[in-house]
Amino acid sequence: MTCDRHAMQLSKNPLTWLKILVVGGLCGALCDQIHVQGQVLSYAQPAIAGQAWWVAPLFGVASLVIYAAASLWAPLAERQSPAAVTPGEIARQALWFVAMYALSAGMQQKPIWLCALYAILLVRRLVRRRDVTAQLANAAGLAVGGTAFEMALSSTGAFSYRAPDVFGVPMWLPGLYLHGAPLALAVVRRIRQAERN
């Protein structure tokens, strides 16, 4: 089977979608535990380790949406940086994202400093990348969409941040999404590579 490597293409394999749902749900809930245990946020009706029962399923569905959204930018990223995405690259991106989660828990009481640090680290991360345009476009979409969703969800009272700054969320939240975007794009590219072979 051949495909245009420059066209947006979502997986047609239901098992791929199931893996994204399950792995994204579990990993998202585990990362969220950093915020729960760090008292960054709390749930109105905690059921499992301080989280609501719906946290893992919500992260799973969010992972599917993020997969589809990042797929928009994968063709551009592949043109700008055609090298294959390795499992090591996925691991590095995942570790970075977990570190950014931990940083947000540790610096939650210093939101301006955290925003500045997120910005400096993002510039440092992206400045030498050949796929910087795709990375920035994907990151901007994820930061806006993810933050808007959390604003809407927190407005229902389902969960709340300990120190919200605007519309129920902390000012540093978009920065966390910005740092998760390279992981999302790397995963999408890895899926595309696997399905082309």
C-alpha atoms as a PDB file:
ATOM      1  CA  MET A   1       0.000   0.000   0.000  1.00  0.00           C
ATOM      2  CA  THR A   2       1.376   3.400  -0.940  1.00  0.00           C
ATOM      3  CA  CYS A   3       0.353   6.745   0.382  1.00  0.00           C
ATOM      4  CA  ASP A   4       1.305  10.337  -0.163  1.00  0.00           C
ATOM      5  CA  ARG A   5       3.671  10.981   2.717  1.00  0.00           C
ATOM      6  CA  HIS A   6       2.786  14.673   2.621  1.00  0.00           C
ATOM      7  CA  ALA A   7      -0.964  14.231   3.082  1.00  0.00           C
ATOM      8  CA  MET A   8      -2.775  14.271   6.384  1.00  0.00           C
ATOM      9  CA  GLN A   9      -3.829  10.734   7.063  1.00  0.00           C
ATOM     10  CA  LEU A  10      -5.420   9.246  10.148  1.00  0.00           C
ATOM     11  CA  SER A  11      -4.942   5.596  10.925  1.00  0.00           C
ATOM     12  CA  LYS A  12      -7.541   3.270   9.480  1.00  0.00           C
ATOM     13  CA  ASN A  13      -6.535   0.583  11.968  1.00  0.00           C
ATOM     14  CA  PRO A  14      -9.031   0.325  14.861  1.00  0.00           C
ATOM     15  CA  LEU A  15      -6.316  -1.236  17.037  1.00  0.00           C
ATOM     16  CA  THR A  16      -4.212   1.928  16.678  1.00  0.00           C
ATOM     17  CA  TRP A  17      -7.135   4.034  17.871  1.00  0.00           C
ATOM     18  CA  LEU A  18      -7.736   1.648  20.776  1.00  0.00           C
ATOM     19  CA  LYS A  19      -4.059   1.841  21.786  1.00  0.00           C
ATOM     20  CA  ILE A  20      -4.186   5.651  21.717  1.00  0.00           C
ATOM     21  CA  LEU A  21      -7.348   5.605  23.834  1.00  0.00           C
ATOM     22  CA  VAL A  22      -5.998   3.173  26.447  1.00  0.00           C
ATOM     23  CA  VAL A  23      -2.374   4.333  26.640  1.00  0.00           C
ATOM     24  CA  GLY A  24      -3.388   7.996  26.487  1.00  0.00           C
ATOM     25  CA  GLY A  25      -5.976   7.474  29.213  1.00  0.00           C
ATOM     26  CA  LEU A  26      -3.598   5.663  31.543  1.00  0.00           C
ATOM     27  CA  CYS A  27      -0.625   7.954  30.955  1.00  0.00           C
ATOM     28  CA  GLY A  28      -2.798  11.058  31.236  1.00  0.00           C
ATOM     29  CA  ALA A  29      -4.273   9.869  34.525  1.00  0.00           C
ATOM     30  CA  LEU A  30      -0.787   9.084  35.852  1.00  0.00           C
ATOM     31  CA  CYS A  31       0.464  12.552  34.903  1.00  0.00           C
ATOM     32  CA  ASP A  32      -2.650  14.038  36.478  1.00  0.00           C
ATOM     33  CA  GLN A  33      -1.648  12.266  39.697  1.00  0.00           C
ATOM     34  CA  ILE A  34       1.315  14.651  39.849  1.00  0.00           C
ATOM     35  CA  HIS A  35      -1.190  17.500  40.093  1.00  0.00           C
ATOM     36  CA  VAL A  36      -3.475  15.661  42.509  1.00  0.00           C
ATOM     37  CA  GLN A  37      -0.694  14.604  44.872  1.00  0.00           C
ATOM     38  CA  GLY A  38       0.986  18.012  44.523  1.00  0.00           C
ATOM     39  CA  GLN A  39      -2.333  19.651  45.458  1.00  0.00           C
ATOM     40  CA  VAL A  40      -2.404  21.620  42.208  1.00  0.00           C
ATOM     41  CA  LEU A  41      -6.009  20.550  41.649  1.00  0.00           C
ATOM     42  CA  SER A  42      -8.764  18.543  43.267  1.00  0.00           C
ATOM     43  CA  TYR A  43     -11.872  16.732  42.100  1.00  0.00           C
ATOM     44  CA  ALA A  44     -15.386  17.334  43.403  1.00  0.00           C
ATOM     45  CA  GLN A  45     -16.053  13.594  43.693  1.00  0.00           C
ATOM     46  CA  PRO A  46     -12.748  11.750  44.059  1.00  0.00           C
ATOM     47  CA  ALA A  47     -12.975   7.992  43.655  1.00  0.00           C
ATOM     48  CA  ILE A  48      -9.524   6.589  42.837  1.00  0.00           C
ATOM     49  CA  ALA A  49      -6.355   8.019  44.433  1.00  0.00           C
ATOM     50  CA  GLY A  50      -7.963  11.442  44.656  1.00  0.00           C
ATOM     51  CA  GLN A  51      -9.210  11.419  41.057  1.00  0.00           C
ATOM     52  CA  ALA A  52     -12.748  11.186  39.742  1.00  0.00           C
ATOM     53  CA  TRP A  53     -13.683   7.900  38.029  1.00  0.00           C
ATOM     54  CA  TRP A  54     -13.911   9.668  34.669  1.00  0.00           C
ATOM     55  CA  VAL A  55     -10.339  11.037  34.593  1.00  0.00           C
ATOM     56  CA  ALA A  56      -8.682   8.163  32.691  1.00  0.00           C
ATOM     57  CA  PRO A  57     -11.521   7.874  30.127  1.00  0.00           C
ATOM     58  CA  LEU A  58     -11.432  11.645  29.608  1.00  0.00           C
ATOM     59  CA  PHE A  59      -7.670  11.594  29.017  1.00  0.00           C
ATOM     60  CA  GLY A  60      -8.193   8.690  26.620  1.00  0.00           C
ATOM     61  CA  VAL A  61     -10.730  10.594  24.536  1.00  0.00           C
ATOM     62  CA  ALA A  62      -8.564  13.717  24.729  1.00  0.00           C
ATOM     63  CA  SER A  63      -5.665  11.644  23.379  1.00  0.00           C
ATOM     64  CA  LEU A  64      -7.756  10.692  20.350  1.00  0.00           C
ATOM     65  CA  VAL A  65      -8.608  14.349  19.710  1.00  0.00           C
ATOM     66  CA  ILE A  66      -4.959  15.357  20.140  1.00  0.00           C
ATOM     67  CA  TYR A  67      -3.911  12.573  17.748  1.00  0.00           C
ATOM     68  CA  ALA A  68      -6.309  13.861  15.099  1.00  0.00           C
ATOM     69  CA  ALA A  69      -5.272  17.492  15.613  1.00  0.00           C
ATOM     70  CA  ALA A  70      -1.536  16.755  15.563  1.00  0.00           C
ATOM     71  CA  SER A  71      -2.074  14.746  12.376  1.00  0.00           C
ATOM     72  CA  LEU A  72      -2.815  18.044  10.647  1.00  0.00           C
ATOM     73  CA  TRP A  73       0.788  19.122  11.212  1.00  0.00           C
ATOM     74  CA  ALA A  74       2.572  15.793  10.693  1.00  0.00           C
ATOM     75  CA  PRO A  75       2.965  16.202   6.909  1.00  0.00           C
ATOM     76  CA  LEU A  76       4.629  19.596   7.358  1.00  0.00           C
ATOM     77  CA  ALA A  77       6.863  18.221  10.122  1.00  0.00           C
ATOM     78  CA  GLU A  78       7.871  15.332   7.842  1.00  0.00           C
ATOM     79  CA  ARG A  79       8.775  17.742   5.035  1.00  0.00           C
ATOM     80  CA  GLN A  80      10.737  19.997   7.375  1.00  0.00           C
ATOM     81  CA  SER A  81      12.491  17.136   9.195  1.00  0.00           C
ATOM     82  CA  PRO A  82      12.250  13.872   7.242  1.00  0.00           C
ATOM     83  CA  ALA A  83      14.290  11.755   9.686  1.00  0.00           C
ATOM     84  CA  ALA A  84      12.395   8.858  11.228  1.00  0.00           C
ATOM     85  CA  VAL A  85      11.015   9.269  14.749  1.00  0.00           C
ATOM     86  CA  THR A  86      12.609   6.603  16.936  1.00  0.00           C
ATOM     87  CA  PRO A  87      11.283   4.991  20.118  1.00  0.00           C
ATOM     88  CA  GLY A  88      14.101   6.844  21.890  1.00  0.00           C
ATOM     89  CA  GLU A  89      12.713  10.151  20.647  1.00  0.00           C
ATOM     90  CA  ILE A  90       9.249   9.227  21.936  1.00  0.00           C
ATOM     91  CA  ALA A  91      10.774   8.332  25.319  1.00  0.00           C
ATOM     92  CA  ARG A  92      12.710  11.629  25.490  1.00  0.00           C
ATOM     93  CA  GLN A  93       9.597  13.634  24.651  1.00  0.00           C
ATOM     94  CA  ALA A  94       7.546  11.711  27.229  1.00  0.00           C
ATOM     95  CA  LEU A  95      10.145  12.239  29.963  1.00  0.00           C
ATOM     96  CA  TRP A  96      10.300  15.944  29.129  1.00  0.00           C
ATOM     97  CA  PHE A  97       6.531  16.257  29.396  1.00  0.00           C
ATOM     98  CA  VAL A  98       6.455  14.450  32.751  1.00  0.00           C
ATOM     99  CA  ALA A  99       9.208  16.797  33.954  1.00  0.00           C
ATOM    100  CA  MET A 100       7.103  19.800  32.895  1.00  0.00           C
ATOM    101  CA  TYR A 101       4.145  18.361  34.828  1.00  0.00           C
ATOM    102  CA  ALA A 102       6.348  17.996  37.913  1.00  0.00           C
ATOM    103  CA  LEU A 103       7.680  21.516  37.429  1.00  0.00           C
ATOM    104  CA  SER A 104       4.128  22.886  37.423  1.00  0.00           C
ATOM    105  CA  ALA A 105       3.415  21.117  40.710  1.00  0.00           C
ATOM    106  CA  GLY A 106       6.608  22.381  42.282  1.00  0.00           C
ATOM    107  CA  MET A 107       6.236  25.974  41.094  1.00  0.00           C
ATOM    108  CA  GLN A 108       2.451  26.382  41.272  1.00  0.00           C
ATOM    109  CA  GLN A 109       2.739  29.198  43.832  1.00  0.00           C
ATOM    110  CA  LYS A 110       5.029  31.183  41.498  1.00  0.00           C
ATOM    111  CA  PRO A 111       2.941  31.290  38.316  1.00  0.00           C
ATOM    112  CA  ILE A 112       4.728  34.214  36.661  1.00  0.00           C
ATOM    113  CA  TRP A 113       8.113  32.566  37.157  1.00  0.00           C
ATOM    114  CA  LEU A 114       6.709  29.278  35.889  1.00  0.00           C
ATOM    115  CA  CYS A 115       5.332  30.960  32.748  1.00  0.00           C
ATOM    116  CA  ALA A 116       8.714  32.581  32.121  1.00  0.00           C
ATOM    117  CA  LEU A 117      10.545  29.304  32.656  1.00  0.00           C
ATOM    118  CA  TYR A 118       8.153  27.436  30.361  1.00  0.00           C
ATOM    119  CA  ALA A 119       8.739  30.082  27.658  1.00  0.00           C
ATOM    120  CA  ILE A 120      12.532  29.955  28.003  1.00  0.00           C
ATOM    121  CA  LEU A 121      12.562  26.165  27.935  1.00  0.00           C
ATOM    122  CA  LEU A 122      10.254  26.051  24.903  1.00  0.00           C
ATOM    123  CA  VAL A 123      12.466  28.445  22.938  1.00  0.00           C
ATOM    124  CA  ARG A 124      15.508  26.423  23.948  1.00  0.00           C
ATOM    125  CA  ARG A 125      13.775  23.226  22.856  1.00  0.00           C
ATOM    126  CA  LEU A 126      12.613  24.450  19.484  1.00  0.00           C
ATOM    127  CA  VAL A 127      15.307  26.884  18.349  1.00  0.00           C
ATOM    128  CA  ARG A 128      17.421  24.286  16.549  1.00  0.00           C
ATOM    129  CA  ARG A 129      14.619  22.089  15.256  1.00  0.00           C
ATOM    130  CA  ARG A 130      14.140  21.895  11.510  1.00  0.00           C
ATOM    131  CA  ASP A 131      10.395  21.331  11.980  1.00  0.00           C
ATOM    132  CA  VAL A 132       9.868  24.447  14.100  1.00  0.00           C
ATOM    133  CA  THR A 133       6.925  25.733  12.013  1.00  0.00           C
ATOM    134  CA  ALA A 134       4.977  22.501  12.402  1.00  0.00           C
ATOM    135  CA  GLN A 135       5.907  22.278  16.084  1.00  0.00           C
ATOM    136  CA  LEU A 136       4.748  25.836  16.823  1.00  0.00           C
ATOM    137  CA  ALA A 137       1.498  25.460  14.876  1.00  0.00           C
ATOM    138  CA  ASN A 138       0.684  22.194  16.638  1.00  0.00           C
ATOM    139  CA  ALA A 139       1.677  23.615  20.039  1.00  0.00           C
ATOM    140  CA  ALA A 140      -0.451  26.735  19.599  1.00  0.00           C
ATOM    141  CA  GLY A 141      -3.516  24.696  18.682  1.00  0.00           C
ATOM    142  CA  LEU A 142      -3.018  22.317  21.593  1.00  0.00           C
ATOM    143  CA  ALA A 143      -2.441  25.145  24.085  1.00  0.00           C
ATOM    144  CA  VAL A 144      -5.544  27.056  23.003  1.00  0.00           C
ATOM    145  CA  GLY A 145      -7.805  24.010  22.671  1.00  0.00           C
ATOM    146  CA  GLY A 146      -6.632  22.249  25.819  1.00  0.00           C
ATOM    147  CA  THR A 147      -6.800  25.346  27.981  1.00  0.00           C
ATOM    148  CA  ALA A 148     -10.252  26.275  26.661  1.00  0.00           C
ATOM    149  CA  PHE A 149     -11.516  22.768  27.391  1.00  0.00           C
ATOM    150  CA  GLU A 150     -10.163  22.866  30.944  1.00  0.00           C
ATOM    151  CA  MET A 151     -11.767  26.281  31.479  1.00  0.00           C
ATOM    152  CA  ALA A 152     -15.103  24.867  30.391  1.00  0.00           C
ATOM    153  CA  LEU A 153     -14.752  21.690  32.457  1.00  0.00           C
ATOM    154  CA  SER A 154     -13.644  23.498  35.613  1.00  0.00           C
ATOM    155  CA  SER A 155     -16.609  25.868  35.265  1.00  0.00           C
ATOM    156  CA  THR A 156     -18.904  22.857  35.838  1.00  0.00           C
ATOM    157  CA  GLY A 157     -17.367  22.281  39.270  1.00  0.00           C
ATOM    158  CA  ALA A 158     -16.120  18.806  38.317  1.00  0.00           C
ATOM    159  CA  PHE A 159     -12.620  19.800  39.405  1.00  0.00           C
ATOM    160  CA  SER A 160     -10.852  22.939  40.518  1.00  0.00           C
ATOM    161  CA  TYR A 161      -7.350  24.298  40.517  1.00  0.00           C
ATOM    162  CA  ARG A 162      -5.983  25.372  43.867  1.00  0.00           C
ATOM    163  CA  ALA A 163      -4.703  28.714  42.523  1.00  0.00           C
ATOM    164  CA  PRO A 164      -6.627  29.670  39.377  1.00  0.00           C
ATOM    165  CA  ASP A 165      -5.713  32.920  37.656  1.00  0.00           C
ATOM    166  CA  VAL A 166      -8.216  33.279  34.829  1.00  0.00           C
ATOM    167  CA  PHE A 167     -11.509  31.489  34.123  1.00  0.00           C
ATOM    168  CA  GLY A 168     -10.756  28.726  36.614  1.00  0.00           C
ATOM    169  CA  VAL A 169      -7.286  27.756  35.396  1.00  0.00           C
ATOM    170  CA  PRO A 170      -3.743  28.862  36.256  1.00  0.00           C
ATOM    171  CA  MET A 171      -1.912  31.189  33.885  1.00  0.00           C
ATOM    172  CA  TRP A 172       0.825  28.597  33.310  1.00  0.00           C
ATOM    173  CA  LEU A 173      -1.553  25.928  31.950  1.00  0.00           C
ATOM    174  CA  PRO A 174      -1.077  26.838  28.258  1.00  0.00           C
ATOM    175  CA  GLY A 175       2.667  26.427  28.788  1.00  0.00           C
ATOM    176  CA  LEU A 176       2.172  22.854  29.946  1.00  0.00           C
ATOM    177  CA  TYR A 177       0.202  22.123  26.783  1.00  0.00           C
ATOM    178  CA  LEU A 178       2.922  23.788  24.684  1.00  0.00           C
ATOM    179  CA  HIS A 179       5.460  21.381  26.148  1.00  0.00           C
ATOM    180  CA  GLY A 180       3.222  18.367  25.506  1.00  0.00           C
ATOM    181  CA  ALA A 181       2.789  19.189  21.827  1.00  0.00           C
ATOM    182  CA  PRO A 182       6.161  17.829  20.609  1.00  0.00           C
ATOM    183  CA  LEU A 183       5.321  14.480  22.220  1.00  0.00           C
ATOM    184  CA  ALA A 184       1.960  14.411  20.441  1.00  0.00           C
ATOM    185  CA  LEU A 185       3.524  15.194  17.073  1.00  0.00           C
ATOM    186  CA  ALA A 186       6.277  12.604  17.585  1.00  0.00           C
ATOM    187  CA  VAL A 187       3.692   9.917  18.391  1.00  0.00           C
ATOM    188  CA  VAL A 188       1.656  10.813  15.301  1.00  0.00           C
ATOM    189  CA  ARG A 189       4.738  10.668  13.104  1.00  0.00           C
ATOM    190  CA  ARG A 190       5.759   7.318  14.592  1.00  0.00           C
ATOM    191  CA  ILE A 191       2.282   5.898  13.891  1.00  0.00           C
ATOM    192  CA  ARG A 192       2.432   7.191  10.307  1.00  0.00           C
ATOM    193  CA  GLN A 193       5.866   5.621   9.823  1.00  0.00           C
ATOM    194  CA  ALA A 194       4.741   2.260  11.197  1.00  0.00           C
ATOM    195  CA  GLU A 195       1.651   2.168   9.000  1.00  0.00           C
ATOM    196  CA  ARG A 196       3.610   3.046   5.850  1.00  0.00           C
ATOM    197  CA  ASN A 197       5.939   0.076   6.359  1.00  0.00           C
END
